Protein backbone atom coordinates (compact mmCIF):
# COMPACT_ATOMS: atom_id res chain seq x y z
CA MET A 1 -0.20 0.12 -0.10
CA SER A 2 1.39 3.39 -0.96
CA ASN A 3 2.21 5.69 1.73
CA ALA A 4 1.79 8.92 -0.62
CA VAL A 5 0.14 11.96 0.94
CA VAL A 6 -3.51 11.81 0.65
CA PRO A 7 -5.37 15.52 0.35
CA ILE A 8 -7.68 16.26 3.42
CA ASN A 9 -10.96 14.50 2.82
CA LYS A 10 -14.11 14.42 5.01
CA LYS A 11 -13.57 10.71 5.68
CA PHE A 12 -10.42 11.18 7.41
CA SER A 13 -10.13 12.38 10.93
CA PRO A 14 -9.16 16.07 11.28
CA TRP A 15 -6.24 14.68 13.58
CA ILE A 16 -5.08 12.99 10.15
CA ALA A 17 -4.89 16.13 8.53
CA GLU A 18 -2.98 17.85 11.15
CA GLU A 19 -0.20 14.95 10.85
CA GLU A 20 -0.35 15.86 6.97
CA LEU A 21 0.33 19.28 7.85
CA ILE A 22 3.41 18.44 10.23
CA SER A 23 4.87 16.15 7.74
CA ALA A 24 4.90 18.74 4.90
CA LEU A 25 6.76 20.87 7.59
CA ILE A 26 9.30 18.61 8.36
CA GLN A 27 9.95 17.58 4.75
CA ASN A 28 10.43 21.00 3.54
CA ARG A 29 13.09 23.35 5.34
CA GLN A 30 12.03 26.27 3.45
CA LYS A 31 8.27 25.75 4.57
CA LEU A 32 9.34 24.98 8.30
CA THR A 33 11.36 28.37 7.96
CA THR A 34 8.41 30.28 6.65
CA PHE A 35 5.67 28.94 9.06
CA ILE A 36 7.23 27.81 12.21
CA ASP A 37 6.69 31.26 14.21
CA GLU A 38 3.42 31.67 13.08
CA ILE A 39 2.19 28.42 14.25
CA ASP A 40 1.18 27.97 18.19
CA ALA A 41 0.98 24.64 19.20
CA GLU A 42 -2.42 25.03 20.72
CA PHE A 43 -3.59 25.50 17.21
CA PHE A 44 -3.72 21.60 16.83
CA ASN A 45 -6.74 19.69 18.20
CA SER A 46 -4.59 16.50 18.70
CA SER A 47 -2.63 16.54 21.91
CA ASP A 48 -0.28 14.03 19.99
CA CYS A 49 0.32 16.50 17.09
CA LYS A 50 0.68 19.38 19.68
CA ASN A 51 3.48 17.26 21.28
CA VAL A 52 5.19 16.61 18.17
CA PHE A 53 5.02 19.97 16.73
CA LYS A 54 6.45 21.29 20.25
CA MET A 55 9.34 18.87 19.68
CA THR A 56 9.94 19.82 16.19
CA LYS A 57 9.88 23.68 17.20
CA MET A 58 12.28 23.11 19.77
CA TYR A 59 14.95 21.13 17.70
CA PHE A 60 14.62 23.76 14.85
CA GLU A 61 15.15 26.50 17.13
CA LYS A 62 18.31 25.03 18.34
CA TYR A 63 19.66 23.77 15.22
CA GLN A 64 17.91 25.37 12.45
CA SER A 65 17.05 22.32 10.49
CA PRO A 66 13.96 19.85 10.60
CA PRO A 67 14.44 16.96 13.03
CA LYS A 68 14.98 13.45 11.96
CA LYS A 69 12.40 10.47 12.73
CA GLY A 70 14.84 9.18 15.21
CA VAL A 71 15.62 12.39 17.07
CA LEU A 72 11.79 12.98 17.70
CA LEU A 73 11.30 9.05 18.61
CA SER A 74 14.13 9.66 21.22
CA SER A 75 12.52 12.85 22.62
CA ALA A 76 9.31 11.15 23.09
CA GLN A 77 10.70 7.99 24.53
CA LYS A 78 12.29 10.53 27.22
CA LEU A 79 9.01 12.27 27.94
CA LEU A 80 7.10 8.95 28.08
CA ALA A 81 9.65 7.89 31.03
CA ASN A 82 8.81 11.04 33.06
CA SER A 83 5.10 10.55 33.72
CA SER A 84 4.68 14.11 34.98
CA LYS A 85 4.94 15.30 31.44
CA GLY A 86 1.45 14.05 30.38
CA ILE A 87 2.45 12.74 27.24
CA SER A 88 0.56 9.53 25.65
CA SER A 89 2.14 6.68 24.29
CA SER A 90 0.30 7.00 20.87
CA VAL A 91 2.58 10.11 20.11
CA ILE A 92 5.13 7.03 18.90
CA GLN A 93 2.41 5.89 16.25
CA THR A 94 1.94 9.73 15.40
CA ILE A 95 5.73 10.24 14.67
CA GLU A 96 5.85 7.13 12.65
CA ARG A 97 2.88 8.41 10.44
CA VAL A 98 4.16 11.88 10.04
CA PHE A 99 7.44 10.53 8.82
CA ASP A 100 6.30 7.56 6.88
CA ARG A 101 5.05 9.48 3.92
CA GLU A 102 6.52 9.72 0.48
CA SER A 103 8.28 13.19 -0.64
CA LEU A 104 6.11 15.49 -1.84
CA SER A 105 5.91 17.10 -5.41
CA ASP A 106 5.86 20.87 -6.03
CA SER A 107 2.01 20.79 -6.47
CA GLU A 108 1.61 18.97 -3.25
CA LEU A 109 3.94 21.33 -1.62
CA GLN A 110 2.03 24.08 -2.90
CA TYR A 111 -1.44 22.61 -1.82
CA TYR A 112 -0.03 22.16 2.00
CA HIS A 113 1.32 25.75 1.74
CA ASP A 114 -2.19 26.70 1.25
CA GLU A 115 -3.46 24.66 3.75
CA LEU A 116 -1.13 25.84 6.48
CA LEU A 117 -2.05 29.67 5.73
CA LYS A 118 -5.78 28.44 6.42
CA PHE A 119 -4.75 26.37 9.46
CA ILE A 120 -2.61 29.40 10.97
CA LYS A 121 -5.51 32.07 10.31
CA THR A 122 -8.18 29.81 11.71
CA GLY A 123 -5.97 29.15 14.80
CA LYS A 124 -5.37 33.03 15.43
CA ILE A 125 -8.95 33.71 14.90
CA ARG A 126 -10.23 30.97 17.15
CA ASP A 127 -7.72 32.20 20.11
CA VAL A 128 -9.17 35.82 19.71
CA ILE A 129 -12.74 34.45 19.93
CA PHE A 130 -12.09 32.29 22.91
CA GLU A 131 -10.29 35.51 24.55
CA GLY A 132 -13.47 37.50 23.66
CA ILE A 133 -15.90 34.96 25.26
CA ASN A 134 -13.70 35.39 28.63
CA LYS A 135 -14.10 39.06 28.35
CA ILE A 136 -17.69 39.46 27.18
CA ASP A 137 -18.69 41.26 30.25
CA ASP A 138 -15.94 43.91 30.11
CA PRO A 139 -17.14 46.84 27.68
CA ASN A 140 -13.59 48.18 28.07
CA ALA A 141 -12.23 45.13 26.11
CA PHE A 142 -14.45 45.45 23.03
CA GLU A 143 -12.19 47.65 20.96
CA GLU A 144 -9.27 45.81 21.77
CA ILE A 145 -10.67 42.40 20.90
CA GLN A 146 -12.36 44.01 17.68
CA ASP A 147 -8.81 45.13 16.81
CA LYS A 148 -7.20 41.61 17.60
CA LEU A 149 -10.16 39.90 15.47
CA LYS A 150 -9.53 42.16 12.56
CA ASN A 151 -5.63 41.52 12.61
CA ALA A 152 -6.22 37.85 12.85
CA VAL A 153 -8.70 38.11 9.74
CA LEU A 154 -6.56 40.33 7.80
CA TRP A 155 -3.06 37.88 8.72
CA ARG A 156 -0.94 37.29 5.87
CA ILE A 157 2.46 35.44 5.99
CA ASP A 158 5.58 37.56 5.34
CA GLU A 159 7.56 35.71 2.86
CA ASN A 160 9.51 38.79 1.65
CA LEU A 161 13.43 37.75 1.94
CA GLY A 162 14.36 41.38 1.22
CA ILE A 163 16.11 42.69 -2.27
CA ASP A 164 19.41 41.58 -3.63
CA ILE A 165 21.52 44.91 -4.49
CA THR A 166 22.22 43.54 -7.86
CA ASP A 167 18.94 42.89 -8.90
CA VAL A 168 18.89 46.76 -10.20
CA LYS A 169 15.70 46.02 -12.48
CA GLU A 170 13.52 44.64 -9.74
CA ARG A 171 14.78 47.43 -7.19
CA TYR A 172 14.04 50.21 -9.64
CA ALA A 173 10.73 48.91 -10.74
CA LYS A 174 9.70 48.98 -6.89
CA GLN A 175 11.56 52.56 -6.43
CA ASN A 176 9.55 53.86 -9.42
CA GLU A 177 6.42 52.47 -8.12
CA MET A 178 6.89 54.14 -4.59
CA LEU A 179 8.23 57.63 -6.18
CA GLN A 180 5.05 57.69 -8.29
CA SER A 181 2.73 57.26 -5.35
CA PHE A 182 3.50 60.24 -3.21
CA VAL A 183 0.90 63.00 -2.35
CA ALA A 184 2.56 66.44 -3.40
CA SER A 185 1.86 69.44 -0.95
CA PRO A 186 0.46 72.73 -2.25
CA TRP A 187 3.86 74.15 -1.71
CA PRO A 188 6.29 73.51 -4.60
CA ALA A 189 9.55 74.50 -3.20
CA LEU A 190 8.44 72.48 0.09
CA ASN A 191 7.83 69.37 -2.34
CA LYS A 192 11.38 69.73 -3.51
CA ALA A 193 12.90 69.94 -0.31
CA ILE A 194 11.20 66.64 1.08
CA GLY A 195 11.76 64.53 -2.02
CA GLY A 196 8.47 65.28 -3.97
CA GLY A 197 5.79 65.01 -1.29
CA PHE A 198 4.38 62.74 1.27
CA PHE A 199 4.87 58.92 0.38
CA ASN A 200 2.97 55.63 1.25
CA LYS A 201 3.69 53.98 4.74
CA THR A 202 5.13 57.27 5.96
CA LEU A 203 4.37 59.46 8.90
CA SER A 204 5.03 63.09 8.34
CA CYS A 205 4.41 65.90 10.86
CA PHE A 206 4.09 69.64 11.21
CA VAL A 207 5.27 71.25 14.40
CA ALA A 208 4.39 74.70 15.61
CA GLY A 209 3.40 76.84 18.55
CA THR A 210 0.09 77.64 19.75
CA SER A 211 -2.00 79.53 17.07
CA VAL A 212 0.70 79.45 14.51
CA GLY A 213 -0.97 77.35 11.86
CA LYS A 214 -0.68 73.57 12.34
CA SER A 215 -4.51 73.28 11.53
CA ILE A 216 -4.11 75.36 8.49
CA ALA A 217 -1.21 73.54 6.99
CA LEU A 218 -3.07 70.35 7.36
CA ASP A 219 -6.49 71.48 6.25
CA GLN A 220 -4.49 73.13 3.11
CA LEU A 221 -2.74 69.88 2.29
CA GLY A 222 -5.84 67.89 2.63
CA PHE A 223 -8.11 70.15 0.65
CA TYR A 224 -5.27 70.24 -2.19
CA ALA A 225 -4.80 66.50 -2.23
CA TRP A 226 -8.59 66.09 -2.86
CA SER A 227 -9.35 69.20 -5.23
CA GLU A 228 -6.24 69.09 -7.32
CA LEU A 229 -4.62 65.85 -7.07
CA GLN A 230 -7.83 63.80 -6.99
CA LYS A 231 -7.08 61.66 -3.97
CA ASN A 232 -9.50 60.28 -1.53
CA THR A 233 -8.85 62.37 1.52
CA LEU A 234 -9.62 61.91 5.20
CA ILE A 235 -9.21 64.59 7.64
CA ILE A 236 -9.73 63.68 11.55
CA SER A 237 -10.60 66.69 13.57
CA LEU A 238 -9.65 66.25 17.24
CA GLU A 239 -9.86 69.93 18.04
CA LEU A 240 -12.70 71.46 15.94
CA SER A 241 -16.18 70.28 14.96
CA GLU A 242 -16.88 68.99 11.37
CA GLU A 243 -19.02 72.05 10.60
CA ILE A 244 -16.15 74.64 11.70
CA LYS A 245 -13.52 72.81 10.14
CA SER A 246 -15.42 72.37 6.70
CA MET A 247 -15.99 76.35 6.88
CA ARG A 248 -12.59 77.16 7.46
CA ILE A 249 -11.65 74.85 4.19
CA ASP A 250 -14.44 76.71 2.54
CA SER A 251 -12.86 80.19 3.47
CA MET A 252 -9.51 79.26 2.46
CA PHE A 253 -10.88 77.85 -0.84
CA LEU A 254 -13.01 80.98 -1.89
CA GLU A 255 -10.80 83.59 0.29
CA ARG A 256 -13.94 84.75 2.05
CA PHE A 257 -14.07 85.60 5.68
CA LEU A 258 -15.52 82.88 7.88
CA GLY A 259 -18.25 85.05 9.08
CA GLU A 260 -19.48 85.92 5.46
CA LEU A 261 -19.89 82.26 4.50
CA PRO A 262 -23.18 81.83 5.94
CA SER A 263 -24.74 84.21 3.75
CA ARG A 264 -22.74 83.03 0.40
CA GLN A 265 -24.10 79.35 0.51
CA LYS A 266 -24.82 79.65 -3.23
CA GLU A 267 -21.46 80.83 -4.18
CA VAL A 268 -19.94 78.03 -2.06
CA GLU A 269 -22.07 75.48 -3.91
CA GLN A 270 -21.06 76.74 -7.22
CA ALA A 271 -17.38 76.72 -6.30
CA TYR A 272 -17.64 73.14 -5.29
CA SER A 273 -19.51 71.90 -8.33
CA LYS A 274 -16.69 73.17 -10.61
CA ILE A 275 -14.19 70.89 -8.96
CA GLU A 276 -13.50 67.85 -11.07
CA SER A 277 -12.69 65.36 -8.30
CA ASN A 278 -13.05 62.25 -10.57
CA GLY A 279 -15.27 60.69 -7.89
CA LYS A 280 -12.94 60.93 -5.21
CA ARG A 281 -14.19 62.57 -1.79
CA LEU A 282 -12.88 64.39 1.08
CA ILE A 283 -14.27 63.21 4.31
CA ILE A 284 -14.00 65.20 7.71
CA LYS A 285 -14.64 63.34 10.63
CA GLU A 286 -14.65 64.69 14.36
CA PHE A 287 -13.68 62.89 17.54
CA PRO A 288 -14.00 64.10 21.06
CA THR A 289 -10.76 65.72 22.20
CA SER A 290 -8.48 63.30 24.15
CA SER A 291 -10.71 60.59 24.16
CA VAL A 292 -9.88 58.69 21.10
CA SER A 293 -6.94 56.47 20.19
CA VAL A 294 -5.30 55.39 16.98
CA ARG A 295 -7.12 52.02 16.89
CA LYS A 296 -10.66 53.79 17.12
CA VAL A 297 -9.43 55.85 13.83
CA ALA A 298 -8.26 52.49 12.28
CA ASN A 299 -11.79 51.07 13.18
CA PHE A 300 -13.49 54.14 11.65
CA ILE A 301 -11.76 53.84 8.54
CA SER A 302 -12.50 50.08 8.40
CA LYS A 303 -16.04 51.24 8.50
CA LEU A 304 -15.71 53.64 5.52
CA GLN A 305 -14.15 50.93 3.44
CA THR A 306 -16.95 48.45 4.36
CA TYR A 307 -20.03 50.74 4.05
CA SER A 308 -19.11 53.19 1.54
CA GLY A 309 -16.05 51.74 -0.22
CA PHE A 310 -13.94 54.83 0.50
CA GLU A 311 -10.14 53.78 0.31
CA PRO A 312 -8.07 56.50 2.00
CA GLU A 313 -5.10 57.71 -0.29
CA ILE A 314 -4.01 60.48 2.41
CA ILE A 315 -4.97 60.34 6.08
CA VAL A 316 -4.84 63.97 8.08
CA ILE A 317 -4.92 63.91 11.74
CA ASP A 318 -5.43 67.19 13.41
CA TYR A 319 -3.64 66.63 15.50
CA GLY A 320 -1.29 63.73 16.90
CA ASP A 321 -0.85 65.18 20.64
CA LEU A 322 -4.57 64.85 21.26
CA LEU A 323 -4.68 61.28 20.65
CA LEU A 324 -4.61 58.42 23.28
CA PRO A 325 -2.36 55.59 23.30
CA ASN A 326 -3.96 52.42 21.98
CA SER A 327 -3.95 51.00 25.65
CA GLY A 328 -6.13 53.92 26.57
CA LYS A 329 -4.17 54.53 29.49
CA ARG A 330 -2.12 57.50 30.00
CA GLU A 331 1.59 57.30 31.40
CA SER A 332 4.15 60.07 30.94
CA LEU A 333 4.29 62.53 28.24
CA TYR A 334 7.12 61.14 26.66
CA ALA A 335 5.88 57.61 26.66
CA ASP A 336 2.54 58.43 25.43
CA GLY A 337 3.88 60.71 22.56
CA GLY A 338 5.95 57.75 21.48
CA ALA A 339 3.25 55.18 21.43
CA VAL A 340 0.93 57.51 19.61
CA PHE A 341 3.30 58.34 16.98
CA GLU A 342 4.47 54.61 16.47
CA ALA A 343 0.76 53.54 16.20
CA LEU A 344 0.15 56.51 13.50
CA ARG A 345 3.16 55.13 11.63
CA GLY A 346 1.55 51.57 11.78
CA LEU A 347 -1.79 53.32 10.50
CA SER A 348 0.21 54.36 7.21
CA TYR A 349 1.32 50.75 6.67
CA GLU A 350 -2.34 49.36 7.39
CA PHE A 351 -4.01 51.60 4.71
CA ASN A 352 -0.96 52.10 2.40
CA CYS A 353 -0.89 55.69 2.34
CA PRO A 354 0.82 58.64 3.72
CA VAL A 355 -0.33 59.81 7.50
CA VAL A 356 0.03 63.56 8.09
CA THR A 357 -0.31 65.03 11.51
CA ALA A 358 1.00 67.74 13.70
CA THR A 359 2.73 68.27 17.18
CA GLN A 360 3.42 71.12 19.42
CA PHE A 361 6.85 73.04 20.20
CA ASN A 362 8.26 72.93 23.69
CA ARG A 363 7.19 76.07 25.46
CA ASN A 364 8.90 79.26 24.55
CA SER A 365 10.14 77.65 21.32
CA GLY A 366 7.34 79.27 19.43
CA GLU A 367 9.32 82.58 20.08
CA LYS A 368 12.33 81.29 17.75
CA THR A 369 13.40 82.39 14.36
CA PRO A 370 13.91 79.60 11.57
CA SER A 371 17.55 79.80 11.95
CA GLU A 372 17.14 79.25 15.88
CA VAL A 373 14.38 76.08 15.74
CA ASN A 374 15.67 72.77 15.78
CA GLU A 375 14.08 69.06 16.42
CA TYR A 376 15.07 69.55 20.13
CA ASP A 377 12.46 72.14 20.40
CA ILE A 378 9.47 69.43 19.83
CA SER A 379 7.42 68.54 22.66
CA GLU A 380 8.70 65.29 24.00
CA SER A 381 10.84 65.23 20.67
CA HIS A 382 13.14 62.38 20.99
CA LYS A 383 10.51 59.51 20.70
CA LYS A 384 8.62 61.48 18.09
CA ILE A 385 11.31 62.67 15.68
CA MET A 386 12.62 58.89 15.88
CA THR A 387 9.62 57.60 14.47
CA LEU A 388 8.75 60.52 12.03
CA ASP A 389 9.81 60.26 8.20
CA THR A 390 9.21 64.04 7.44
CA CYS A 391 8.93 66.78 10.08
CA ILE A 392 8.20 70.24 9.14
CA ALA A 393 8.30 73.30 11.65
CA ILE A 394 6.02 76.06 11.06
CA VAL A 395 7.72 79.33 12.11
CA ALA A 396 6.07 82.60 12.74
CA THR A 397 7.31 84.97 15.30
CA PRO A 398 5.05 87.96 16.36
CA GLY A 399 7.14 90.20 14.21
CA MET A 400 6.79 88.08 11.25
CA ARG A 401 3.03 87.65 11.88
CA ALA A 402 2.69 91.42 11.77
CA GLN A 403 4.11 91.45 8.40
CA GLY A 404 2.22 88.39 7.13
CA GLN A 405 4.98 86.45 6.90
CA ALA A 406 5.88 82.55 8.15
CA ALA A 407 8.53 79.90 7.24
CA PHE A 408 8.60 76.23 6.91
CA LYS A 409 11.91 74.50 8.14
CA THR A 410 12.53 70.84 7.20
CA LEU A 411 13.83 69.35 10.63
CA LYS A 412 13.57 65.85 9.20
CA ALA A 413 13.42 64.42 5.59
CA ARG A 414 14.28 61.13 4.98
CA MET A 415 13.88 61.65 1.16
CA GLY A 416 15.01 65.03 0.92
CA ILE A 417 16.91 67.97 2.70
CA LYS A 418 17.19 68.79 6.37
CA ASP A 419 17.10 72.27 7.60
CA TYR A 420 15.73 73.85 4.35
CA VAL A 421 14.02 77.21 5.06
CA LEU A 422 11.00 77.96 2.95
CA PRO A 423 9.84 81.70 3.45
CA LEU A 424 6.00 81.99 3.00
CA ASN A 425 3.27 84.37 2.97
CA VAL A 426 0.58 83.68 5.57
CA SER A 427 -3.08 84.67 5.58
CA TYR A 428 -4.81 84.00 9.05
CA GLU A 429 -7.95 85.56 7.80
CA TYR A 430 -8.54 82.97 4.92
CA PHE A 431 -6.34 80.13 6.75
CA LYS A 432 -3.81 79.70 4.05
CA PHE A 433 0.08 79.47 3.38
CA THR A 434 1.46 80.48 -0.02
CA GLU A 435 5.09 80.68 -1.13
């Protein structure tokens, strides 16, 4: 009778299927390397399969090689000799069956590759559900469980082994794709200084003192990305209501005083009707100040995707210092700032787009001139600046403001020039920076 691998079938016990998965792992070092850290022994229903996998993993972690049949049999015999380990003698037969299978063909290896992906995802989802049952009476745990369940459902194996420097064609294809995906800002000279604009999977930040123009820069960027670049744009407002935030954008767009707008509704409607957005949308969503985490923002974006098909191409958050850590608990300003900005950077990876936010200067730093300002003026700067890809200071001393002037200064630019200063005109009446 042939010992060839038989694909999983209803007439077989699920434990037999688990044995097949272990056999596929042991037969192929590449598969074992790929999946070993993603599989929890508790994913297996069979206690014998759990024990065989545990022994396999221990051996692989020590020797970086799949164990031979004799090694696992020897380990099992030692465990059986120690009755306190709670291992059954049937594990010997399981090991025999795992190894007594013919070598797998390429097509069979691909089959078991796909089955392992399903097995791992099922195990991760099941773990979250069991954890959720234990926390069903704790309403404060709902968001945490929802986040974990979403991660389990969206889990994918990372098989990217990096890129060889000599694979120039492949490298440049990826680089060109990345370089073409950026979202430019409304300020051309700034774009040149930061490498073109704001790139996917990056976190960028404007930093300024109070009432200098953090929200103005973020709103102007968001509106430009939608109206000129035809990008799906999401603006999260943690300070202003959706109504006030949108009216400030109207004022910037039409160059009308805020107080004039209620009597100019028809003019506003006509102006927006002329924008060719190509079906793209600009959505403004307010959240209560200091009561929302990055996790809650991510959950909101997932709802947008589910209910309206909205896929953000840039996320603007006004502003980062008002967010809670995902833990929901405040510690020190230094730790909180680092945790929030790390989570924001994770948001850019989750939705494959730029995330742009803002933060405060330290007290009294807002009085400095462009030449004096540096990264150490950022509130709790060390943890934040380490996480950021681009950081742009907005400088407007009282003297500069009196003359309608301001400046951007690049405090960090992974793709561009550090300490570049861009002189600007600023209109606080119309909420606008211009070169």
